Amino acid sequence: MQLNTVHFGEIEYSEDEVIYFPEGIPGFEDTKKYILIGNDSGDAVFFWLQSVDAPELCFVVTDPFMIYDGYGVDVEDEDVELLEITDPNKVLTLTIVIIPENINEIRVNLKAPILINVEKKLGKQVIQKNDNFPVRYYLNKSNQV
């Protein structure tokens, strides 16, 4: 299949790469199908969650465990059920990266990770109840509040 994206031009993907977000992503509830781009090389720090439904919509994402020591995700029972999680080792955890004009203020949202059941190709952005993880975690340590 082909997708003409705003950021990557025309890309090829297969139906088995599509990750379905039954509830969409907060703020983008009508956009339910995405593919991951650039995560196939094991050493990539940043990659992209590209919408299939809206070719102009693409999120930069990263692995929060790589950038925050002691990071953890508490998953509610209803989210486990929605994502059909039977093996926690088959769940990919991502966090959305915010890249503002001032690159020194690049940050991630640790409060609302994206969980993807890689076997079932189901995803959801979950809001953690743990107040220890900030919505704005700056990658430039001098910006930490």
N, C-alpha and C. Protein backbone atom coordinates (compact mmCIF):
# COMPACT_ATOMS: atom_id res chain seq x y z
N MET A 1 0.83 -1.17 0.00
CA MET A 1 0.00 0.00 0.00
C MET A 1 0.89 1.24 0.00
N GLN A 2 0.34 2.33 -0.52
CA GLN A 2 1.09 3.57 -0.59
C GLN A 2 0.37 4.66 0.18
N LEU A 3 1.18 5.50 0.82
CA LEU A 3 0.64 6.62 1.57
C LEU A 3 1.45 7.85 1.19
N ASN A 4 0.78 8.90 0.76
CA ASN A 4 1.45 10.14 0.41
C ASN A 4 1.44 11.05 1.63
N THR A 5 2.56 11.12 2.35
CA THR A 5 2.63 11.88 3.59
C THR A 5 3.19 13.28 3.35
N VAL A 6 2.91 14.17 4.26
CA VAL A 6 3.42 15.53 4.17
C VAL A 6 4.92 15.57 4.46
N HIS A 7 5.37 14.79 5.45
CA HIS A 7 6.76 14.88 5.91
C HIS A 7 7.73 13.92 5.21
N PHE A 8 7.24 12.81 4.71
CA PHE A 8 8.12 11.79 4.13
C PHE A 8 7.86 11.53 2.66
N GLY A 9 6.92 12.24 2.08
CA GLY A 9 6.56 11.98 0.70
C GLY A 9 5.79 10.68 0.61
N GLU A 10 5.92 10.01 -0.50
CA GLU A 10 5.20 8.76 -0.69
C GLU A 10 5.96 7.61 -0.05
N ILE A 11 5.28 6.88 0.82
CA ILE A 11 5.91 5.73 1.47
C ILE A 11 5.07 4.48 1.23
N GLU A 12 5.74 3.35 1.27
CA GLU A 12 5.07 2.06 1.13
C GLU A 12 4.92 1.45 2.52
N TYR A 13 3.79 0.82 2.74
CA TYR A 13 3.57 0.10 3.99
C TYR A 13 2.62 -1.05 3.70
N SER A 14 2.61 -2.00 4.61
CA SER A 14 1.69 -3.12 4.46
C SER A 14 0.62 -3.05 5.54
N GLU A 15 -0.50 -3.67 5.28
CA GLU A 15 -1.63 -3.64 6.22
C GLU A 15 -1.24 -4.19 7.59
N ASP A 16 -0.31 -5.14 7.64
CA ASP A 16 0.09 -5.72 8.93
C ASP A 16 0.97 -4.78 9.75
N GLU A 17 1.39 -3.65 9.19
CA GLU A 17 2.14 -2.64 9.94
C GLU A 17 1.22 -1.65 10.65
N VAL A 18 -0.03 -1.61 10.27
CA VAL A 18 -0.97 -0.61 10.80
C VAL A 18 -1.31 -0.92 12.25
N ILE A 19 -1.18 0.10 13.09
CA ILE A 19 -1.52 0.02 14.51
C ILE A 19 -2.86 0.75 14.67
N TYR A 20 -3.81 0.07 15.26
CA TYR A 20 -5.15 0.63 15.41
C TYR A 20 -5.32 1.18 16.82
N PHE A 21 -5.72 2.44 16.92
CA PHE A 21 -6.01 3.10 18.19
C PHE A 21 -7.53 3.20 18.28
N PRO A 22 -8.19 2.28 18.99
CA PRO A 22 -9.66 2.28 19.04
C PRO A 22 -10.27 3.60 19.48
N GLU A 23 -9.57 4.32 20.37
CA GLU A 23 -10.08 5.60 20.88
C GLU A 23 -9.37 6.80 20.25
N GLY A 24 -8.53 6.55 19.26
CA GLY A 24 -7.71 7.62 18.71
C GLY A 24 -6.67 8.06 19.74
N ILE A 25 -6.07 9.20 19.51
CA ILE A 25 -5.14 9.81 20.46
C ILE A 25 -5.83 11.09 20.94
N PRO A 26 -5.77 11.39 22.26
CA PRO A 26 -6.45 12.60 22.74
C PRO A 26 -6.13 13.83 21.87
N GLY A 27 -7.19 14.47 21.43
CA GLY A 27 -7.07 15.60 20.53
C GLY A 27 -7.19 15.20 19.07
N PHE A 28 -7.03 13.91 18.80
CA PHE A 28 -7.10 13.37 17.44
C PHE A 28 -7.92 12.08 17.46
N GLU A 29 -9.08 12.15 18.09
CA GLU A 29 -9.91 10.97 18.32
C GLU A 29 -10.42 10.32 17.04
N ASP A 30 -10.53 11.08 15.95
CA ASP A 30 -11.03 10.52 14.70
C ASP A 30 -9.94 9.84 13.87
N THR A 31 -8.70 9.98 14.30
CA THR A 31 -7.57 9.40 13.57
C THR A 31 -7.15 8.14 14.32
N LYS A 32 -7.42 6.99 13.73
CA LYS A 32 -7.27 5.74 14.47
C LYS A 32 -6.19 4.79 13.93
N LYS A 33 -5.70 5.03 12.72
CA LYS A 33 -4.71 4.12 12.14
C LYS A 33 -3.37 4.83 11.97
N TYR A 34 -2.31 4.18 12.44
CA TYR A 34 -0.97 4.73 12.39
C TYR A 34 0.03 3.65 11.99
N ILE A 35 1.20 4.09 11.53
CA ILE A 35 2.32 3.19 11.33
C ILE A 35 3.54 3.83 11.99
N LEU A 36 4.46 2.99 12.44
CA LEU A 36 5.72 3.48 13.00
C LEU A 36 6.76 3.53 11.89
N ILE A 37 7.48 4.63 11.82
CA ILE A 37 8.52 4.80 10.82
C ILE A 37 9.84 5.03 11.54
N GLY A 38 10.87 4.29 11.13
CA GLY A 38 12.22 4.51 11.64
C GLY A 38 12.56 3.74 12.89
N ASN A 39 11.67 2.89 13.36
CA ASN A 39 11.95 2.15 14.59
C ASN A 39 12.55 0.78 14.31
N ASP A 40 12.79 0.46 13.05
CA ASP A 40 13.32 -0.87 12.73
C ASP A 40 14.81 -0.99 12.96
N SER A 41 15.51 0.13 13.09
CA SER A 41 16.92 0.05 13.47
C SER A 41 17.00 0.17 14.98
N GLY A 42 17.65 -0.75 15.61
CA GLY A 42 17.67 -0.83 17.07
C GLY A 42 18.32 0.34 17.77
N ASP A 43 19.06 1.18 17.05
CA ASP A 43 19.78 2.26 17.71
C ASP A 43 19.14 3.64 17.51
N ALA A 44 17.97 3.70 16.91
CA ALA A 44 17.29 4.98 16.71
C ALA A 44 16.76 5.51 18.04
N VAL A 45 16.95 6.78 18.30
CA VAL A 45 16.44 7.41 19.52
C VAL A 45 15.05 7.99 19.27
N PHE A 46 14.88 8.60 18.10
CA PHE A 46 13.60 9.19 17.74
C PHE A 46 13.06 8.48 16.50
N PHE A 47 11.77 8.29 16.46
CA PHE A 47 11.12 7.79 15.26
C PHE A 47 9.73 8.41 15.19
N TRP A 48 8.92 7.99 14.24
CA TRP A 48 7.69 8.70 13.94
C TRP A 48 6.47 7.79 13.99
N LEU A 49 5.40 8.33 14.53
CA LEU A 49 4.10 7.67 14.53
C LEU A 49 3.27 8.44 13.50
N GLN A 50 3.19 7.85 12.30
CA GLN A 50 2.56 8.50 11.15
C GLN A 50 1.12 8.03 11.01
N SER A 51 0.20 8.98 10.91
CA SER A 51 -1.20 8.64 10.70
C SER A 51 -1.41 8.15 9.28
N VAL A 52 -2.20 7.10 9.16
CA VAL A 52 -2.61 6.59 7.85
C VAL A 52 -3.87 7.33 7.41
N ASP A 53 -4.71 7.68 8.39
CA ASP A 53 -5.98 8.37 8.11
C ASP A 53 -5.79 9.83 7.69
N ALA A 54 -4.80 10.48 8.26
CA ALA A 54 -4.54 11.90 8.00
C ALA A 54 -3.05 12.07 7.68
N PRO A 55 -2.68 12.01 6.41
CA PRO A 55 -1.26 12.02 6.02
C PRO A 55 -0.46 13.22 6.52
N GLU A 56 -1.14 14.30 6.93
CA GLU A 56 -0.43 15.46 7.45
C GLU A 56 -0.09 15.32 8.93
N LEU A 57 -0.63 14.30 9.60
CA LEU A 57 -0.44 14.12 11.04
C LEU A 57 0.65 13.10 11.32
N CYS A 58 1.66 13.55 12.03
CA CYS A 58 2.79 12.68 12.36
C CYS A 58 3.37 13.14 13.69
N PHE A 59 3.57 12.20 14.62
CA PHE A 59 4.15 12.51 15.92
C PHE A 59 5.59 11.99 15.98
N VAL A 60 6.50 12.82 16.50
CA VAL A 60 7.84 12.33 16.82
C VAL A 60 7.70 11.62 18.15
N VAL A 61 8.26 10.42 18.26
CA VAL A 61 8.15 9.63 19.49
C VAL A 61 9.52 9.06 19.86
N THR A 62 9.61 8.65 21.12
CA THR A 62 10.84 8.02 21.61
C THR A 62 10.49 7.07 22.73
N ASP A 63 11.46 6.29 23.12
CA ASP A 63 11.32 5.33 24.20
C ASP A 63 11.61 6.04 25.53
N PRO A 64 10.62 6.19 26.41
CA PRO A 64 10.84 6.94 27.65
C PRO A 64 11.83 6.26 28.59
N PHE A 65 12.00 4.97 28.47
CA PHE A 65 12.94 4.24 29.34
C PHE A 65 14.39 4.62 29.01
N MET A 66 14.62 5.11 27.80
CA MET A 66 15.97 5.53 27.39
C MET A 66 16.34 6.89 27.95
N ILE A 67 15.34 7.70 28.30
CA ILE A 67 15.65 9.08 28.69
C ILE A 67 15.36 9.40 30.15
N TYR A 68 14.67 8.51 30.83
CA TYR A 68 14.29 8.79 32.21
C TYR A 68 14.54 7.56 33.06
N ASP A 69 15.57 7.63 33.92
CA ASP A 69 15.86 6.50 34.82
C ASP A 69 14.71 6.27 35.78
N GLY A 70 14.34 5.03 35.95
CA GLY A 70 13.28 4.68 36.88
C GLY A 70 11.89 4.88 36.33
N TYR A 71 11.77 5.08 35.01
CA TYR A 71 10.45 5.27 34.43
C TYR A 71 9.65 3.97 34.50
N GLY A 72 8.38 4.11 34.74
CA GLY A 72 7.49 2.96 34.79
C GLY A 72 6.09 3.37 34.40
N VAL A 73 5.31 2.41 33.97
CA VAL A 73 3.94 2.68 33.55
C VAL A 73 2.99 1.79 34.33
N ASP A 74 2.01 2.41 34.97
CA ASP A 74 0.93 1.68 35.62
C ASP A 74 -0.23 1.63 34.63
N VAL A 75 -0.64 0.42 34.27
CA VAL A 75 -1.70 0.26 33.28
C VAL A 75 -2.97 -0.21 33.99
N GLU A 76 -4.04 0.52 33.78
CA GLU A 76 -5.33 0.18 34.37
C GLU A 76 -5.88 -1.09 33.71
N ASP A 77 -6.70 -1.83 34.46
CA ASP A 77 -7.27 -3.08 33.94
C ASP A 77 -8.04 -2.88 32.65
N GLU A 78 -8.80 -1.78 32.56
CA GLU A 78 -9.58 -1.56 31.33
C GLU A 78 -8.69 -1.30 30.13
N ASP A 79 -7.49 -0.71 30.35
CA ASP A 79 -6.55 -0.51 29.25
C ASP A 79 -5.90 -1.83 28.84
N VAL A 80 -5.61 -2.68 29.81
CA VAL A 80 -5.09 -4.01 29.51
C VAL A 80 -6.09 -4.76 28.64
N GLU A 81 -7.35 -4.64 29.01
CA GLU A 81 -8.42 -5.31 28.25
C GLU A 81 -8.56 -4.71 26.85
N LEU A 82 -8.59 -3.39 26.74
CA LEU A 82 -8.74 -2.73 25.45
C LEU A 82 -7.60 -3.10 24.50
N LEU A 83 -6.39 -3.14 25.04
CA LEU A 83 -5.21 -3.44 24.23
C LEU A 83 -4.95 -4.95 24.09
N GLU A 84 -5.78 -5.74 24.76
CA GLU A 84 -5.66 -7.21 24.71
C GLU A 84 -4.26 -7.68 25.11
N ILE A 85 -3.74 -7.09 26.17
CA ILE A 85 -2.39 -7.41 26.64
C ILE A 85 -2.43 -8.72 27.43
N THR A 86 -1.67 -9.69 26.97
CA THR A 86 -1.51 -10.94 27.70
C THR A 86 -0.06 -11.15 28.12
N ASP A 87 0.86 -10.43 27.46
CA ASP A 87 2.27 -10.54 27.77
C ASP A 87 2.87 -9.14 27.80
N PRO A 88 3.27 -8.66 28.99
CA PRO A 88 3.81 -7.29 29.08
C PRO A 88 5.08 -7.09 28.24
N ASN A 89 5.77 -8.18 27.90
CA ASN A 89 6.96 -8.06 27.06
C ASN A 89 6.63 -7.77 25.60
N LYS A 90 5.37 -7.84 25.25
CA LYS A 90 4.92 -7.57 23.88
C LYS A 90 4.29 -6.19 23.76
N VAL A 91 4.59 -5.31 24.75
CA VAL A 91 4.05 -3.95 24.75
C VAL A 91 5.20 -2.97 24.51
N LEU A 92 5.03 -2.14 23.51
CA LEU A 92 5.98 -1.08 23.21
C LEU A 92 5.46 0.19 23.87
N THR A 93 6.32 0.85 24.64
CA THR A 93 5.96 2.09 25.30
C THR A 93 6.69 3.24 24.63
N LEU A 94 5.95 4.25 24.24
CA LEU A 94 6.52 5.42 23.58
C LEU A 94 6.04 6.68 24.29
N THR A 95 6.74 7.75 24.06
CA THR A 95 6.31 9.04 24.55
C THR A 95 6.44 10.05 23.42
N ILE A 96 5.49 10.97 23.36
CA ILE A 96 5.49 11.98 22.31
C ILE A 96 6.53 13.05 22.62
N VAL A 97 7.29 13.42 21.59
CA VAL A 97 8.33 14.43 21.70
C VAL A 97 7.77 15.75 21.16
N ILE A 98 7.96 16.80 21.92
CA ILE A 98 7.55 18.14 21.49
C ILE A 98 8.82 18.89 21.08
N ILE A 99 8.84 19.35 19.83
CA ILE A 99 10.01 20.06 19.31
C ILE A 99 9.59 21.49 18.98
N PRO A 100 9.82 22.42 19.92
CA PRO A 100 9.44 23.82 19.69
C PRO A 100 10.50 24.53 18.83
N GLU A 101 10.22 25.79 18.50
CA GLU A 101 11.18 26.58 17.71
C GLU A 101 12.54 26.63 18.41
N ASN A 102 12.53 26.84 19.72
CA ASN A 102 13.79 26.86 20.48
C ASN A 102 14.14 25.41 20.81
N ILE A 103 15.07 24.86 20.07
CA ILE A 103 15.43 23.44 20.20
C ILE A 103 15.92 23.09 21.61
N ASN A 104 16.37 24.07 22.36
CA ASN A 104 16.80 23.82 23.74
C ASN A 104 15.63 23.47 24.65
N GLU A 105 14.41 23.69 24.17
CA GLU A 105 13.22 23.39 24.96
C GLU A 105 12.53 22.11 24.50
N ILE A 106 13.25 21.25 23.79
CA ILE A 106 12.69 19.97 23.36
C ILE A 106 12.32 19.17 24.61
N ARG A 107 11.13 18.56 24.57
CA ARG A 107 10.65 17.88 25.77
C ARG A 107 9.76 16.70 25.37
N VAL A 108 9.50 15.86 26.36
CA VAL A 108 8.61 14.71 26.17
C VAL A 108 7.53 14.73 27.25
N ASN A 109 6.45 14.06 26.95
CA ASN A 109 5.33 13.95 27.89
C ASN A 109 5.43 12.58 28.57
N LEU A 110 5.96 12.55 29.78
CA LEU A 110 6.09 11.29 30.52
C LEU A 110 4.80 10.91 31.24
N LYS A 111 3.89 11.85 31.36
CA LYS A 111 2.62 11.62 32.07
C LYS A 111 1.64 10.80 31.22
N ALA A 112 1.79 10.87 29.89
CA ALA A 112 0.82 10.21 29.01
C ALA A 112 1.53 9.39 27.93
N PRO A 113 2.08 8.24 28.31
CA PRO A 113 2.77 7.40 27.32
C PRO A 113 1.78 6.74 26.35
N ILE A 114 2.30 6.36 25.23
CA ILE A 114 1.55 5.58 24.25
C ILE A 114 1.96 4.13 24.43
N LEU A 115 0.97 3.26 24.58
CA LEU A 115 1.22 1.83 24.71
C LEU A 115 0.75 1.15 23.43
N ILE A 116 1.58 0.25 22.92
CA ILE A 116 1.23 -0.49 21.71
C ILE A 116 1.44 -1.98 21.96
N ASN A 117 0.36 -2.75 21.81
CA ASN A 117 0.47 -4.20 21.82
C ASN A 117 1.00 -4.58 20.45
N VAL A 118 2.28 -4.96 20.38
CA VAL A 118 2.92 -5.20 19.09
C VAL A 118 2.39 -6.45 18.39
N GLU A 119 1.85 -7.39 19.14
CA GLU A 119 1.27 -8.59 18.53
C GLU A 119 -0.10 -8.31 17.92
N LYS A 120 -0.93 -7.60 18.66
CA LYS A 120 -2.31 -7.35 18.21
C LYS A 120 -2.43 -6.07 17.40
N LYS A 121 -1.33 -5.25 17.37
CA LYS A 121 -1.33 -3.98 16.65
C LYS A 121 -2.43 -3.04 17.16
N LEU A 122 -2.52 -2.95 18.49
CA LEU A 122 -3.49 -2.07 19.15
C LEU A 122 -2.73 -1.04 19.97
N GLY A 123 -3.18 0.22 19.96
CA GLY A 123 -2.50 1.26 20.69
C GLY A 123 -3.44 2.16 21.46
N LYS A 124 -2.87 2.81 22.46
CA LYS A 124 -3.63 3.78 23.25
C LYS A 124 -2.65 4.70 23.98
N GLN A 125 -3.00 5.98 24.05
CA GLN A 125 -2.27 6.89 24.91
C GLN A 125 -2.97 6.88 26.25
N VAL A 126 -2.22 6.57 27.31
CA VAL A 126 -2.81 6.46 28.64
C VAL A 126 -2.30 7.60 29.52
N ILE A 127 -3.15 8.06 30.40
CA ILE A 127 -2.78 9.09 31.37
C ILE A 127 -2.46 8.39 32.68
N GLN A 128 -1.22 8.56 33.14
CA GLN A 128 -0.82 7.91 34.38
C GLN A 128 -1.30 8.71 35.59
N LYS A 129 -1.65 7.99 36.61
CA LYS A 129 -2.08 8.63 37.86
C LYS A 129 -0.88 9.06 38.70
N ASN A 130 0.27 8.46 38.45
CA ASN A 130 1.50 8.76 39.18
C ASN A 130 1.92 10.21 38.89
N ASP A 131 1.94 11.04 39.93
CA ASP A 131 2.30 12.45 39.76
C ASP A 131 3.80 12.68 39.68
N ASN A 132 4.61 11.63 39.77
CA ASN A 132 6.05 11.78 39.71
C ASN A 132 6.55 12.02 38.29
N PHE A 133 5.72 11.71 37.30
CA PHE A 133 6.14 11.85 35.92
C PHE A 133 5.53 13.11 35.31
N PRO A 134 6.38 14.04 34.85
CA PRO A 134 5.89 15.32 34.36
C PRO A 134 5.31 15.26 32.94
N VAL A 135 4.42 16.19 32.67
CA VAL A 135 3.90 16.37 31.31
C VAL A 135 5.00 16.97 30.43
N ARG A 136 5.82 17.82 31.01
CA ARG A 136 6.94 18.45 30.29
C ARG A 136 8.26 18.03 30.93
N TYR A 137 8.90 17.04 30.35
CA TYR A 137 10.22 16.62 30.80
C TYR A 137 11.21 17.07 29.72
N TYR A 138 12.01 18.08 30.05
CA TYR A 138 12.94 18.66 29.09
C TYR A 138 14.16 17.75 28.89
N LEU A 139 14.53 17.52 27.63
CA LEU A 139 15.69 16.69 27.35
C LEU A 139 16.98 17.45 27.63
N ASN A 140 16.94 18.79 27.54
CA ASN A 140 18.06 19.62 27.92
C ASN A 140 17.94 19.80 29.44
N LYS A 141 18.77 19.11 30.19
CA LYS A 141 18.65 19.06 31.66
C LYS A 141 18.65 20.43 32.33
N SER A 142 19.24 21.44 31.69
CA SER A 142 19.28 22.77 32.32
C SER A 142 17.89 23.42 32.35
N ASN A 143 16.92 22.87 31.59
CA ASN A 143 15.57 23.42 31.57
C ASN A 143 14.64 22.76 32.60
N GLN A 144 15.11 21.73 33.29
CA GLN A 144 14.24 21.02 34.24
C GLN A 144 13.81 21.96 35.36
N VAL A 145 12.55 21.86 35.72
CA VAL A 145 12.00 22.72 36.77
C VAL A 145 12.00 21.96 38.08
